[in-house]
Structures are given as structure tokens and as C-alpha cells.
N, C-alpha and C. Protein backbone atom coordinates (compact mmCIF):
# COMPACT_ATOMS: atom_id res chain seq x y z
N MET A 1 17.89 -12.52 3.69
CA MET A 1 18.91 -13.14 4.51
C MET A 1 18.31 -14.28 5.27
N LYS A 2 19.09 -15.14 5.81
CA LYS A 2 18.58 -16.32 6.47
C LYS A 2 18.33 -16.05 7.95
N GLY A 3 17.20 -16.57 8.43
CA GLY A 3 16.90 -16.45 9.85
C GLY A 3 17.18 -17.77 10.53
N GLY A 4 16.82 -17.84 11.82
CA GLY A 4 17.06 -19.06 12.57
C GLY A 4 16.30 -20.22 11.99
N GLY A 5 16.83 -21.41 12.12
CA GLY A 5 16.15 -22.60 11.65
C GLY A 5 16.20 -22.77 10.15
N GLY A 6 17.09 -22.02 9.48
CA GLY A 6 17.23 -22.20 8.05
C GLY A 6 16.24 -21.44 7.23
N GLY A 7 15.41 -20.61 7.86
CA GLY A 7 14.40 -19.90 7.11
C GLY A 7 14.84 -18.52 6.70
N TYR A 8 13.90 -17.81 6.06
CA TYR A 8 14.19 -16.46 5.60
C TYR A 8 13.80 -15.49 6.68
N GLY A 9 14.79 -14.80 7.24
CA GLY A 9 14.51 -13.85 8.31
C GLY A 9 14.75 -12.44 7.83
N GLY A 10 14.83 -11.47 8.74
CA GLY A 10 15.03 -10.09 8.32
C GLY A 10 15.58 -9.24 9.43
N HIS A 11 15.70 -7.94 9.15
CA HIS A 11 16.25 -7.01 10.12
C HIS A 11 15.25 -6.73 11.23
N LYS A 12 15.74 -6.15 12.30
CA LYS A 12 14.87 -5.71 13.39
C LYS A 12 14.04 -4.54 12.91
N GLY A 13 12.84 -4.47 13.47
CA GLY A 13 11.95 -3.38 13.08
C GLY A 13 11.97 -2.25 14.07
N GLY A 14 11.33 -1.15 13.68
CA GLY A 14 11.30 0.03 14.49
C GLY A 14 9.92 0.43 14.91
N GLN A 15 9.08 1.00 14.33
CA GLN A 15 7.87 1.70 14.62
C GLN A 15 7.04 1.07 15.74
N LYS A 16 5.74 0.95 15.50
CA LYS A 16 4.87 0.44 16.55
C LYS A 16 5.14 -1.03 16.79
N GLY A 17 4.93 -1.45 18.03
CA GLY A 17 5.11 -2.86 18.34
C GLY A 17 6.48 -3.15 18.87
N GLY A 18 7.34 -2.16 19.00
CA GLY A 18 8.61 -2.42 19.63
C GLY A 18 9.77 -2.21 18.72
N GLY A 19 10.71 -3.11 18.73
CA GLY A 19 11.96 -2.93 18.03
C GLY A 19 13.06 -3.26 18.99
N GLY A 20 14.19 -2.58 18.87
CA GLY A 20 15.28 -2.84 19.78
C GLY A 20 15.77 -4.25 19.62
N GLY A 21 16.43 -4.76 20.62
CA GLY A 21 17.03 -6.07 20.49
C GLY A 21 16.23 -7.19 21.10
N GLY A 22 15.05 -6.88 21.72
CA GLY A 22 14.36 -7.92 22.46
C GLY A 22 13.12 -8.44 21.80
N TYR A 23 13.10 -8.51 20.46
CA TYR A 23 11.86 -8.89 19.82
C TYR A 23 11.59 -10.38 19.88
N GLY A 24 12.43 -11.16 20.50
CA GLY A 24 12.22 -12.59 20.56
C GLY A 24 11.56 -13.10 21.82
N ARG A 25 11.06 -12.20 22.66
CA ARG A 25 10.50 -12.65 23.94
C ARG A 25 9.16 -13.36 23.78
N VAL A 26 8.40 -12.98 22.76
CA VAL A 26 7.11 -13.61 22.50
C VAL A 26 7.17 -14.27 21.13
N GLU A 27 6.60 -15.47 21.04
CA GLU A 27 6.69 -16.23 19.79
C GLU A 27 5.34 -16.82 19.44
N ASP A 28 5.00 -16.78 18.17
CA ASP A 28 3.76 -17.38 17.70
C ASP A 28 4.00 -17.91 16.29
N PHE A 29 3.01 -18.65 15.78
CA PHE A 29 3.16 -19.28 14.47
C PHE A 29 1.92 -19.02 13.62
N GLU A 30 2.15 -19.00 12.32
CA GLU A 30 1.06 -18.81 11.35
C GLU A 30 1.24 -19.84 10.24
N ASP A 31 0.21 -20.67 10.02
CA ASP A 31 0.26 -21.64 8.94
C ASP A 31 -0.09 -20.95 7.62
N VAL A 32 0.79 -21.07 6.65
CA VAL A 32 0.63 -20.38 5.38
C VAL A 32 0.75 -21.39 4.25
N ASP A 33 -0.12 -21.27 3.27
CA ASP A 33 -0.05 -22.13 2.09
C ASP A 33 1.33 -21.98 1.45
N ASP A 34 1.91 -23.09 1.08
CA ASP A 34 3.26 -23.09 0.51
C ASP A 34 3.38 -22.16 -0.69
N ARG A 35 2.29 -22.04 -1.46
CA ARG A 35 2.30 -21.19 -2.66
C ARG A 35 2.29 -19.70 -2.32
N ASP A 36 1.95 -19.37 -1.07
CA ASP A 36 1.83 -17.96 -0.68
C ASP A 36 3.04 -17.42 0.07
N ILE A 37 4.03 -18.25 0.30
CA ILE A 37 5.21 -17.79 1.03
C ILE A 37 5.88 -16.63 0.30
N GLY A 38 5.88 -16.70 -1.03
CA GLY A 38 6.50 -15.63 -1.81
C GLY A 38 5.84 -14.29 -1.60
N LYS A 39 4.52 -14.27 -1.29
CA LYS A 39 3.83 -13.01 -1.03
C LYS A 39 4.37 -12.36 0.24
N ILE A 40 4.66 -13.15 1.24
CA ILE A 40 5.18 -12.61 2.50
C ILE A 40 6.59 -12.07 2.30
N ILE A 41 7.40 -12.80 1.56
CA ILE A 41 8.79 -12.38 1.34
C ILE A 41 8.85 -11.18 0.41
N GLY A 42 8.13 -11.24 -0.71
CA GLY A 42 8.15 -10.15 -1.67
C GLY A 42 9.40 -10.16 -2.52
N LYS A 43 9.38 -9.35 -3.56
CA LYS A 43 10.51 -9.28 -4.48
C LYS A 43 11.75 -8.75 -3.77
N GLY A 44 12.81 -9.56 -3.77
CA GLY A 44 14.04 -9.16 -3.10
C GLY A 44 13.90 -9.02 -1.60
N GLY A 45 12.84 -9.60 -1.04
CA GLY A 45 12.62 -9.51 0.41
C GLY A 45 11.96 -8.22 0.85
N CYS A 46 11.38 -7.45 -0.09
CA CYS A 46 10.84 -6.13 0.26
C CYS A 46 9.66 -6.22 1.22
N ASN A 47 8.78 -7.21 1.03
CA ASN A 47 7.60 -7.29 1.90
C ASN A 47 7.97 -7.68 3.32
N ILE A 48 8.81 -8.68 3.46
CA ILE A 48 9.17 -9.13 4.81
C ILE A 48 9.94 -8.04 5.55
N LYS A 49 10.72 -7.25 4.83
CA LYS A 49 11.44 -6.14 5.45
C LYS A 49 10.47 -5.08 5.94
N ASP A 50 9.46 -4.75 5.12
CA ASP A 50 8.47 -3.74 5.52
C ASP A 50 7.64 -4.24 6.71
N LEU A 51 7.28 -5.51 6.69
CA LEU A 51 6.51 -6.07 7.80
C LEU A 51 7.29 -6.03 9.10
N GLN A 52 8.56 -6.38 9.01
CA GLN A 52 9.39 -6.39 10.22
C GLN A 52 9.66 -4.97 10.71
N ALA A 53 9.93 -4.06 9.78
CA ALA A 53 10.20 -2.67 10.17
C ALA A 53 8.96 -2.02 10.77
N GLY A 54 7.78 -2.41 10.29
CA GLY A 54 6.55 -1.79 10.76
C GLY A 54 5.98 -2.37 12.03
N THR A 55 6.49 -3.52 12.45
CA THR A 55 5.91 -4.16 13.63
C THR A 55 6.92 -4.41 14.74
N GLY A 56 8.21 -4.33 14.42
CA GLY A 56 9.22 -4.65 15.43
C GLY A 56 9.36 -6.14 15.67
N CYS A 57 8.79 -6.94 14.78
CA CYS A 57 8.84 -8.40 14.93
C CYS A 57 9.80 -9.01 13.91
N ARG A 58 10.21 -10.21 14.21
CA ARG A 58 11.02 -10.98 13.27
C ARG A 58 10.16 -12.09 12.69
N ILE A 59 10.20 -12.24 11.38
CA ILE A 59 9.41 -13.24 10.67
C ILE A 59 10.37 -14.26 10.07
N ILE A 60 10.16 -15.52 10.40
CA ILE A 60 11.03 -16.59 9.91
C ILE A 60 10.20 -17.57 9.09
N THR A 61 10.51 -17.67 7.81
CA THR A 61 9.80 -18.60 6.93
C THR A 61 10.72 -19.80 6.67
N PRO A 62 10.27 -21.00 6.98
CA PRO A 62 11.12 -22.17 6.79
C PRO A 62 11.38 -22.46 5.32
N ASP A 63 12.57 -22.95 5.03
CA ASP A 63 12.92 -23.32 3.66
C ASP A 63 12.12 -24.51 3.17
N ARG A 64 11.75 -25.36 4.10
CA ARG A 64 11.05 -26.59 3.72
C ARG A 64 10.11 -27.00 4.84
N ASN A 65 9.16 -27.85 4.53
CA ASN A 65 8.22 -28.36 5.53
C ASN A 65 8.92 -29.38 6.43
N GLU A 66 8.55 -29.36 7.69
CA GLU A 66 9.12 -30.35 8.60
C GLU A 66 8.53 -31.72 8.30
N SER A 67 9.29 -32.72 8.61
CA SER A 67 8.87 -34.10 8.36
C SER A 67 7.57 -34.40 9.10
N GLY A 68 6.62 -35.00 8.39
CA GLY A 68 5.35 -35.36 9.00
C GLY A 68 4.30 -34.28 8.94
N SER A 69 4.66 -33.07 8.48
CA SER A 69 3.69 -31.98 8.40
C SER A 69 3.00 -31.98 7.04
N ASP A 70 1.94 -31.21 6.94
CA ASP A 70 1.20 -31.08 5.69
C ASP A 70 2.14 -30.49 4.63
N PRO A 71 2.40 -31.21 3.53
CA PRO A 71 3.35 -30.72 2.53
C PRO A 71 2.90 -29.46 1.81
N SER A 72 1.60 -29.14 1.89
CA SER A 72 1.10 -27.95 1.19
C SER A 72 1.15 -26.69 2.06
N MET A 73 1.55 -26.86 3.32
CA MET A 73 1.58 -25.73 4.24
C MET A 73 2.98 -25.54 4.83
N ARG A 74 3.26 -24.28 5.17
CA ARG A 74 4.50 -23.98 5.90
C ARG A 74 4.14 -23.20 7.16
N GLN A 75 4.87 -23.46 8.22
CA GLN A 75 4.61 -22.78 9.49
C GLN A 75 5.58 -21.61 9.65
N VAL A 76 5.05 -20.41 9.56
CA VAL A 76 5.86 -19.20 9.68
C VAL A 76 5.96 -18.82 11.15
N LYS A 77 7.18 -18.57 11.59
CA LYS A 77 7.42 -18.20 12.99
C LYS A 77 7.50 -16.68 13.11
N ILE A 78 6.83 -16.13 14.13
CA ILE A 78 6.84 -14.69 14.38
C ILE A 78 7.34 -14.46 15.79
N GLN A 79 8.41 -13.68 15.93
CA GLN A 79 8.97 -13.36 17.23
C GLN A 79 8.87 -11.86 17.45
N GLY A 80 8.38 -11.47 18.63
CA GLY A 80 8.22 -10.05 18.90
C GLY A 80 8.41 -9.73 20.37
N PRO A 81 8.46 -8.44 20.72
CA PRO A 81 8.70 -8.03 22.10
C PRO A 81 7.48 -8.18 22.99
N THR A 82 6.26 -8.14 22.40
CA THR A 82 5.03 -8.23 23.18
C THR A 82 4.00 -9.04 22.41
N LYS A 83 2.96 -9.50 23.13
CA LYS A 83 1.88 -10.21 22.47
C LYS A 83 1.17 -9.31 21.47
N GLU A 84 1.03 -8.02 21.83
CA GLU A 84 0.36 -7.07 20.95
C GLU A 84 1.12 -6.89 19.64
N ALA A 85 2.43 -6.82 19.73
CA ALA A 85 3.25 -6.64 18.53
C ALA A 85 3.13 -7.86 17.61
N VAL A 86 3.15 -9.05 18.20
CA VAL A 86 3.05 -10.27 17.41
C VAL A 86 1.66 -10.38 16.77
N ALA A 87 0.62 -10.03 17.54
CA ALA A 87 -0.74 -10.07 16.99
C ALA A 87 -0.87 -9.09 15.83
N ARG A 88 -0.27 -7.91 15.97
CA ARG A 88 -0.32 -6.91 14.91
C ARG A 88 0.41 -7.40 13.67
N CYS A 89 1.52 -8.08 13.86
CA CYS A 89 2.28 -8.63 12.75
C CYS A 89 1.48 -9.70 12.02
N LYS A 90 0.79 -10.55 12.77
CA LYS A 90 -0.02 -11.60 12.16
C LYS A 90 -1.16 -11.00 11.34
N LYS A 91 -1.77 -9.92 11.85
CA LYS A 91 -2.83 -9.25 11.09
C LYS A 91 -2.27 -8.67 9.80
N ALA A 92 -1.08 -8.09 9.89
CA ALA A 92 -0.47 -7.50 8.69
C ALA A 92 -0.14 -8.58 7.67
N ILE A 93 0.34 -9.71 8.12
CA ILE A 93 0.63 -10.83 7.22
C ILE A 93 -0.65 -11.28 6.52
N SER A 94 -1.75 -11.35 7.26
CA SER A 94 -3.03 -11.73 6.66
C SER A 94 -3.42 -10.76 5.57
N GLY A 95 -3.19 -9.46 5.81
CA GLY A 95 -3.49 -8.45 4.81
C GLY A 95 -2.65 -8.62 3.56
N VAL A 96 -1.37 -8.91 3.74
CA VAL A 96 -0.47 -9.12 2.61
C VAL A 96 -0.90 -10.35 1.81
N LEU A 97 -1.31 -11.40 2.50
CA LEU A 97 -1.77 -12.61 1.82
C LEU A 97 -3.06 -12.35 1.03
N MET A 98 -3.81 -11.33 1.44
CA MET A 98 -5.03 -10.95 0.73
C MET A 98 -4.75 -10.02 -0.44
N GLY A 99 -3.47 -9.61 -0.58
CA GLY A 99 -3.08 -8.78 -1.72
C GLY A 99 -2.70 -7.36 -1.40
N ASP A 100 -2.73 -6.98 -0.12
CA ASP A 100 -2.35 -5.62 0.26
C ASP A 100 -0.84 -5.45 0.29
N GLU A 101 -0.40 -4.21 0.05
CA GLU A 101 1.00 -3.87 0.30
C GLU A 101 1.21 -3.86 1.82
N PRO A 102 2.39 -4.27 2.30
CA PRO A 102 2.61 -4.31 3.76
C PRO A 102 2.30 -2.99 4.46
N ARG A 103 2.72 -1.87 3.88
CA ARG A 103 2.49 -0.58 4.53
C ARG A 103 1.02 -0.22 4.55
N ASP A 104 0.28 -0.64 3.51
CA ASP A 104 -1.16 -0.41 3.51
C ASP A 104 -1.84 -1.27 4.58
N ALA A 105 -1.43 -2.52 4.69
CA ALA A 105 -2.01 -3.41 5.69
C ALA A 105 -1.77 -2.87 7.10
N LEU A 106 -0.56 -2.41 7.36
CA LEU A 106 -0.24 -1.86 8.68
C LEU A 106 -1.01 -0.58 8.95
N ALA A 107 -1.13 0.27 7.94
CA ALA A 107 -1.86 1.52 8.11
C ALA A 107 -3.33 1.26 8.43
N GLU A 108 -3.93 0.28 7.75
CA GLU A 108 -5.34 -0.04 8.01
C GLU A 108 -5.52 -0.58 9.42
N ILE A 109 -4.58 -1.37 9.89
CA ILE A 109 -4.63 -1.86 11.26
C ILE A 109 -4.63 -0.69 12.24
N ASP A 110 -3.89 0.35 11.89
CA ASP A 110 -3.77 1.53 12.76
C ASP A 110 -4.88 2.55 12.54
N GLY A 111 -5.88 2.19 11.74
CA GLY A 111 -7.05 3.05 11.59
C GLY A 111 -7.08 3.93 10.36
N ALA A 112 -6.13 3.77 9.45
CA ALA A 112 -6.10 4.61 8.25
C ALA A 112 -7.11 4.12 7.22
N VAL A 113 -7.54 5.04 6.37
CA VAL A 113 -8.34 4.72 5.19
C VAL A 113 -7.40 4.80 3.99
N ILE A 114 -7.47 3.82 3.12
CA ILE A 114 -6.50 3.71 2.03
C ILE A 114 -7.16 3.98 0.68
N MET A 115 -6.50 4.79 -0.13
CA MET A 115 -6.84 4.94 -1.54
C MET A 115 -5.76 4.20 -2.32
N LYS A 116 -6.15 3.18 -3.08
CA LYS A 116 -5.18 2.33 -3.75
C LYS A 116 -5.17 2.59 -5.26
N ASN A 117 -4.04 2.23 -5.86
CA ASN A 117 -3.88 2.33 -7.33
C ASN A 117 -4.15 3.73 -7.85
N VAL A 118 -3.59 4.71 -7.18
CA VAL A 118 -3.74 6.10 -7.61
C VAL A 118 -2.78 6.36 -8.76
N ASP A 119 -3.27 6.97 -9.83
CA ASP A 119 -2.42 7.18 -11.00
C ASP A 119 -1.39 8.28 -10.74
N PRO A 120 -0.28 8.28 -11.47
CA PRO A 120 0.81 9.24 -11.23
C PRO A 120 0.39 10.70 -11.30
N MET A 121 -0.50 11.06 -12.25
CA MET A 121 -0.93 12.44 -12.37
C MET A 121 -1.67 12.89 -11.12
N SER A 122 -2.56 12.03 -10.62
CA SER A 122 -3.31 12.36 -9.41
C SER A 122 -2.39 12.44 -8.21
N MET A 123 -1.43 11.53 -8.14
CA MET A 123 -0.50 11.54 -7.01
C MET A 123 0.34 12.82 -7.01
N GLY A 124 0.75 13.25 -8.19
CA GLY A 124 1.52 14.49 -8.28
C GLY A 124 0.69 15.69 -7.83
N HIS A 125 -0.59 15.71 -8.20
CA HIS A 125 -1.47 16.80 -7.78
C HIS A 125 -1.65 16.80 -6.27
N LEU A 126 -1.83 15.60 -5.68
CA LEU A 126 -2.00 15.51 -4.24
C LEU A 126 -0.74 15.98 -3.50
N ALA A 127 0.42 15.68 -4.06
CA ALA A 127 1.67 16.11 -3.43
C ALA A 127 1.74 17.63 -3.35
N LYS A 128 1.20 18.30 -4.38
CA LYS A 128 1.24 19.76 -4.42
C LYS A 128 0.29 20.40 -3.40
N ILE A 129 -0.83 19.74 -3.15
CA ILE A 129 -1.84 20.34 -2.26
C ILE A 129 -1.95 19.60 -0.93
N LYS A 130 -0.97 18.76 -0.63
CA LYS A 130 -1.01 17.93 0.58
C LYS A 130 -1.21 18.77 1.85
N ASP A 131 -0.41 19.82 2.01
CA ASP A 131 -0.49 20.64 3.22
C ASP A 131 -1.88 21.28 3.36
N LYS A 132 -2.41 21.76 2.26
CA LYS A 132 -3.73 22.39 2.28
C LYS A 132 -4.81 21.38 2.66
N LEU A 133 -4.74 20.18 2.07
CA LEU A 133 -5.72 19.15 2.38
C LEU A 133 -5.66 18.76 3.85
N GLU A 134 -4.45 18.61 4.37
CA GLU A 134 -4.30 18.23 5.77
C GLU A 134 -4.90 19.28 6.70
N GLY A 135 -4.69 20.56 6.36
CA GLY A 135 -5.24 21.63 7.19
C GLY A 135 -6.75 21.75 7.07
N ASP A 136 -7.25 21.73 5.82
CA ASP A 136 -8.68 21.92 5.60
C ASP A 136 -9.51 20.74 6.11
N LEU A 137 -9.01 19.52 5.89
CA LEU A 137 -9.77 18.32 6.24
C LEU A 137 -9.40 17.75 7.60
N LYS A 138 -8.40 18.35 8.25
CA LYS A 138 -7.95 17.89 9.58
C LYS A 138 -7.55 16.42 9.55
N ILE A 139 -6.65 16.14 8.61
CA ILE A 139 -6.18 14.77 8.43
C ILE A 139 -4.66 14.76 8.32
N THR A 140 -4.10 13.56 8.39
CA THR A 140 -2.70 13.34 8.07
C THR A 140 -2.64 12.44 6.85
N LEU A 141 -1.89 12.87 5.84
CA LEU A 141 -1.77 12.12 4.59
C LEU A 141 -0.38 11.52 4.47
N ASN A 142 -0.33 10.28 4.01
CA ASN A 142 0.92 9.63 3.67
C ASN A 142 0.81 9.17 2.23
N LEU A 143 1.67 9.72 1.37
CA LEU A 143 1.63 9.40 -0.06
C LEU A 143 2.74 8.44 -0.41
N ASP A 144 2.37 7.34 -1.05
CA ASP A 144 3.35 6.35 -1.49
C ASP A 144 3.30 6.30 -3.01
N ALA A 145 3.95 5.32 -3.60
CA ALA A 145 4.00 5.24 -5.06
C ALA A 145 2.61 5.21 -5.69
N ARG A 146 1.72 4.37 -5.16
CA ARG A 146 0.37 4.25 -5.71
C ARG A 146 -0.70 4.21 -4.64
N SER A 147 -0.34 4.51 -3.40
CA SER A 147 -1.30 4.48 -2.30
C SER A 147 -1.33 5.82 -1.57
N VAL A 148 -2.53 6.20 -1.14
CA VAL A 148 -2.71 7.36 -0.28
C VAL A 148 -3.31 6.85 1.03
N ARG A 149 -2.64 7.13 2.13
CA ARG A 149 -3.11 6.69 3.44
C ARG A 149 -3.60 7.91 4.21
N ILE A 150 -4.81 7.79 4.74
CA ILE A 150 -5.48 8.92 5.37
C ILE A 150 -5.81 8.60 6.82
N TRP A 151 -5.31 9.41 7.73
CA TRP A 151 -5.66 9.32 9.15
C TRP A 151 -6.39 10.59 9.56
N ALA A 152 -7.50 10.48 10.26
CA ALA A 152 -8.18 11.65 10.81
C ALA A 152 -7.46 12.08 12.09
N LYS A 153 -7.23 13.37 12.23
CA LYS A 153 -6.51 13.86 13.41
C LYS A 153 -7.30 13.65 14.70
N ASP A 154 -8.64 13.53 14.58
CA ASP A 154 -9.44 13.28 15.78
C ASP A 154 -9.59 11.78 16.06
N GLY A 155 -8.96 10.95 15.22
CA GLY A 155 -9.01 9.50 15.43
C GLY A 155 -10.30 8.84 14.98
N ASP A 156 -11.22 9.61 14.41
CA ASP A 156 -12.50 9.08 13.98
C ASP A 156 -12.39 8.55 12.55
N ARG A 157 -12.64 7.26 12.38
CA ARG A 157 -12.51 6.66 11.05
C ARG A 157 -13.50 7.27 10.07
N GLN A 158 -14.69 7.65 10.54
CA GLN A 158 -15.67 8.26 9.64
C GLN A 158 -15.14 9.57 9.08
N SER A 159 -14.40 10.31 9.90
CA SER A 159 -13.80 11.56 9.41
C SER A 159 -12.81 11.27 8.29
N ALA A 160 -12.06 10.17 8.44
CA ALA A 160 -11.11 9.79 7.40
C ALA A 160 -11.84 9.36 6.12
N LEU A 161 -12.96 8.66 6.28
CA LEU A 161 -13.75 8.25 5.12
C LEU A 161 -14.34 9.47 4.40
N ASP A 162 -14.80 10.47 5.18
CA ASP A 162 -15.32 11.69 4.58
C ASP A 162 -14.21 12.43 3.82
N ALA A 163 -13.01 12.42 4.40
CA ALA A 163 -11.87 13.07 3.73
C ALA A 163 -11.52 12.35 2.44
N LYS A 164 -11.59 11.04 2.45
CA LYS A 164 -11.32 10.25 1.24
C LYS A 164 -12.29 10.64 0.13
N GLU A 165 -13.55 10.80 0.48
CA GLU A 165 -14.55 11.19 -0.51
C GLU A 165 -14.25 12.58 -1.08
N ALA A 166 -13.83 13.49 -0.20
CA ALA A 166 -13.50 14.84 -0.65
C ALA A 166 -12.29 14.84 -1.57
N ILE A 167 -11.30 14.01 -1.25
CA ILE A 167 -10.10 13.91 -2.09
C ILE A 167 -10.44 13.31 -3.45
N GLU A 168 -11.30 12.30 -3.46
CA GLU A 168 -11.71 11.69 -4.73
C GLU A 168 -12.43 12.71 -5.61
N GLU A 169 -13.25 13.56 -5.01
CA GLU A 169 -13.92 14.61 -5.78
C GLU A 169 -12.91 15.60 -6.34
N GLU A 170 -11.90 15.93 -5.55
CA GLU A 170 -10.84 16.83 -6.00
C GLU A 170 -10.12 16.24 -7.21
N LEU A 171 -9.87 14.94 -7.16
CA LEU A 171 -9.13 14.29 -8.24
C LEU A 171 -9.99 14.15 -9.50
N GLU A 172 -11.29 14.05 -9.33
CA GLU A 172 -12.17 13.95 -10.49
C GLU A 172 -12.05 15.19 -11.37
N ASP A 173 -11.84 16.34 -10.72
CA ASP A 173 -11.75 17.60 -11.47
C ASP A 173 -10.53 17.65 -12.39
N ILE A 174 -9.44 16.96 -12.00
CA ILE A 174 -8.23 17.02 -12.83
C ILE A 174 -8.11 15.84 -13.78
N THR A 175 -8.89 14.79 -13.56
CA THR A 175 -8.79 13.61 -14.43
C THR A 175 -9.92 13.54 -15.45
N SER A 176 -10.96 14.36 -15.25
CA SER A 176 -12.07 14.33 -16.21
C SER A 176 -11.66 15.06 -17.48
N VAL A 177 -12.13 14.56 -18.61
CA VAL A 177 -11.81 15.14 -19.91
C VAL A 177 -13.11 15.41 -20.65
N ASP A 178 -13.28 16.65 -21.08
CA ASP A 178 -14.45 17.01 -21.87
C ASP A 178 -14.22 16.65 -23.34
N THR A 179 -15.22 16.09 -23.98
CA THR A 179 -15.10 15.74 -25.39
C THR A 179 -16.23 16.38 -26.18
N LEU A 180 -15.94 16.68 -27.41
CA LEU A 180 -16.94 17.26 -28.30
C LEU A 180 -16.83 16.55 -29.65
N THR A 181 -17.93 16.02 -30.10
CA THR A 181 -17.97 15.31 -31.38
C THR A 181 -18.53 16.22 -32.46
N VAL A 182 -17.80 16.34 -33.56
CA VAL A 182 -18.21 17.19 -34.67
C VAL A 182 -18.25 16.33 -35.94
N GLN A 183 -19.35 16.39 -36.66
CA GLN A 183 -19.48 15.65 -37.90
C GLN A 183 -18.69 16.37 -39.01
N VAL A 184 -17.78 15.64 -39.67
CA VAL A 184 -16.94 16.21 -40.73
C VAL A 184 -17.14 15.38 -42.00
N PRO A 185 -17.40 16.02 -43.12
CA PRO A 185 -17.53 15.27 -44.39
C PRO A 185 -16.26 14.48 -44.70
N GLY A 186 -16.44 13.32 -45.23
CA GLY A 186 -15.30 12.44 -45.49
C GLY A 186 -14.26 13.05 -46.41
N ASP A 187 -14.68 13.89 -47.35
CA ASP A 187 -13.72 14.40 -48.32
C ASP A 187 -12.83 15.51 -47.76
N VAL A 188 -13.13 15.97 -46.52
CA VAL A 188 -12.29 17.03 -45.94
C VAL A 188 -11.63 16.60 -44.64
N VAL A 189 -11.72 15.31 -44.31
CA VAL A 189 -11.14 14.83 -43.05
C VAL A 189 -9.65 15.12 -42.97
N ASN A 190 -8.91 14.77 -44.04
CA ASN A 190 -7.47 14.98 -44.02
C ASN A 190 -7.11 16.46 -43.87
N GLN A 191 -7.91 17.29 -44.49
CA GLN A 191 -7.66 18.73 -44.41
C GLN A 191 -7.85 19.23 -42.97
N VAL A 192 -8.90 18.71 -42.29
CA VAL A 192 -9.16 19.12 -40.91
C VAL A 192 -8.05 18.64 -39.98
N ILE A 193 -7.62 17.39 -40.17
CA ILE A 193 -6.58 16.81 -39.32
C ILE A 193 -5.29 17.61 -39.44
N ASN A 194 -4.99 18.07 -40.63
CA ASN A 194 -3.73 18.77 -40.85
C ASN A 194 -3.83 20.29 -40.66
N ASP A 195 -5.00 20.76 -40.32
CA ASP A 195 -5.20 22.20 -40.17
C ASP A 195 -4.42 22.72 -38.97
N SER A 196 -3.68 23.78 -39.17
CA SER A 196 -2.85 24.34 -38.09
C SER A 196 -3.70 24.89 -36.95
N ALA A 197 -4.87 25.41 -37.25
CA ALA A 197 -5.75 25.94 -36.22
C ALA A 197 -6.21 24.83 -35.27
N LEU A 198 -6.49 23.63 -35.86
CA LEU A 198 -6.89 22.50 -35.03
C LEU A 198 -5.76 22.08 -34.10
N ARG A 199 -4.55 22.06 -34.62
CA ARG A 199 -3.41 21.67 -33.79
C ARG A 199 -3.21 22.68 -32.66
N GLN A 200 -3.42 23.95 -32.94
CA GLN A 200 -3.26 24.97 -31.90
C GLN A 200 -4.33 24.80 -30.83
N LEU A 201 -5.56 24.48 -31.28
CA LEU A 201 -6.64 24.27 -30.32
C LEU A 201 -6.35 23.08 -29.43
N GLN A 202 -5.85 21.98 -30.01
CA GLN A 202 -5.52 20.80 -29.23
C GLN A 202 -4.43 21.10 -28.22
N ALA A 203 -3.43 21.89 -28.63
CA ALA A 203 -2.33 22.24 -27.74
C ALA A 203 -2.82 23.10 -26.59
N SER A 204 -3.77 24.01 -26.86
CA SER A 204 -4.27 24.91 -25.81
C SER A 204 -5.08 24.17 -24.78
N ARG A 205 -5.68 23.01 -25.15
CA ARG A 205 -6.51 22.22 -24.23
C ARG A 205 -5.72 21.15 -23.52
N ALA A 206 -4.45 20.96 -23.90
CA ALA A 206 -3.63 19.92 -23.28
C ALA A 206 -3.21 20.32 -21.88
């Protein structure tokens, strides 16, 4: 949707950094390469919505460069309820420009350790044992489509890093595959491939 000044704006945010109707009391700007504006907005506006929802700030990206300004840059306006909220939003934008998902960037700002690009099988396993991991490792887990966000309950980042290592070891057990190579004479290969006993063995190991 369009924000003030003809740019791309978004809804009011909720979580840390404020929200409510007064997010315009503090204003700051971030110069962004014209080619990177799409990273902030995201597909269908998904990134800018997550950034705004996670910071309580409003982000306004101009449709075009102002006359006399550097044509390769655009000045993004950030409006928020406090200086802290605006600063947090700017940090999150920097993370997104570096390639992070908005929620991952915000979580890292808040002290989380992130596991990225987790495969679906591993994510499904973590969902099943989430409560146990949180209790045993004294952490809080947030599972997304391909990201795992880890907060230590004692607020110690090293504890979160230790938990990440323990979780990675847990996942290695379910993703590792044992292989066995057997030499088979060429004249019996087709017979072995079609053998019902071999198919049963393969099914039992699946």
C-alpha cells in the first residue's frame, strides 16, 4: 500500500519498539541502493510488513529519487514511537539488505541464535521434540518455515550457542545415512536389482 509522500508504506506494528497510533513521533532516514529497495519491500510486501510488525515503526520507500539527489540511491524514511524503536528498525533493515529474513534479523537483534535453511525433515523432527528441547536445554525455540530461532532462558548468548550445537548433533542422527557397498558380478546385476529380498531390505531401512 502507499505511504506518505508517494512511497510504499505499511501497517502499524505491534511487538517490541512500540506500536499503537503514535509511531510517527521520531523520524530517521536510511540511504539505500536503488537496486535493493525490493529486498526491503519483499514479495507482495511481505518483508516490509514483517519489519513494521516487529518494530512498531512505519517504513516509507519513495517511488522515485528526489530531484538533485544521487540517482542510484533512495532515501527510506522510518517513523517510530521512540529513538530505540527506530534504531532497532534500521538495524533490522540492514540485516534484510544483507540477505536475512526480517524475523531472523529481528530475532538476532534481540539476542537469538539462528539456524538457517533447515530442511523439512529436520524441522518436522524438531517440532515433535520442541517441548523436550526447551526443558532440557533451558531455551525458547521459535520454528519457522526454514529457520530455528533459539533464545537462552537465562539471557546468555553462549547458552544459546551451546543449545544450537546440541540441536545440530540431534539432527545429525536423523539425517545421516549409512551406506554399504557390495561388489556384484555384472552378469547378475539385473537379478539382484529385481530380487524381492533386496526390495524388502530397502523398505525396512527406509
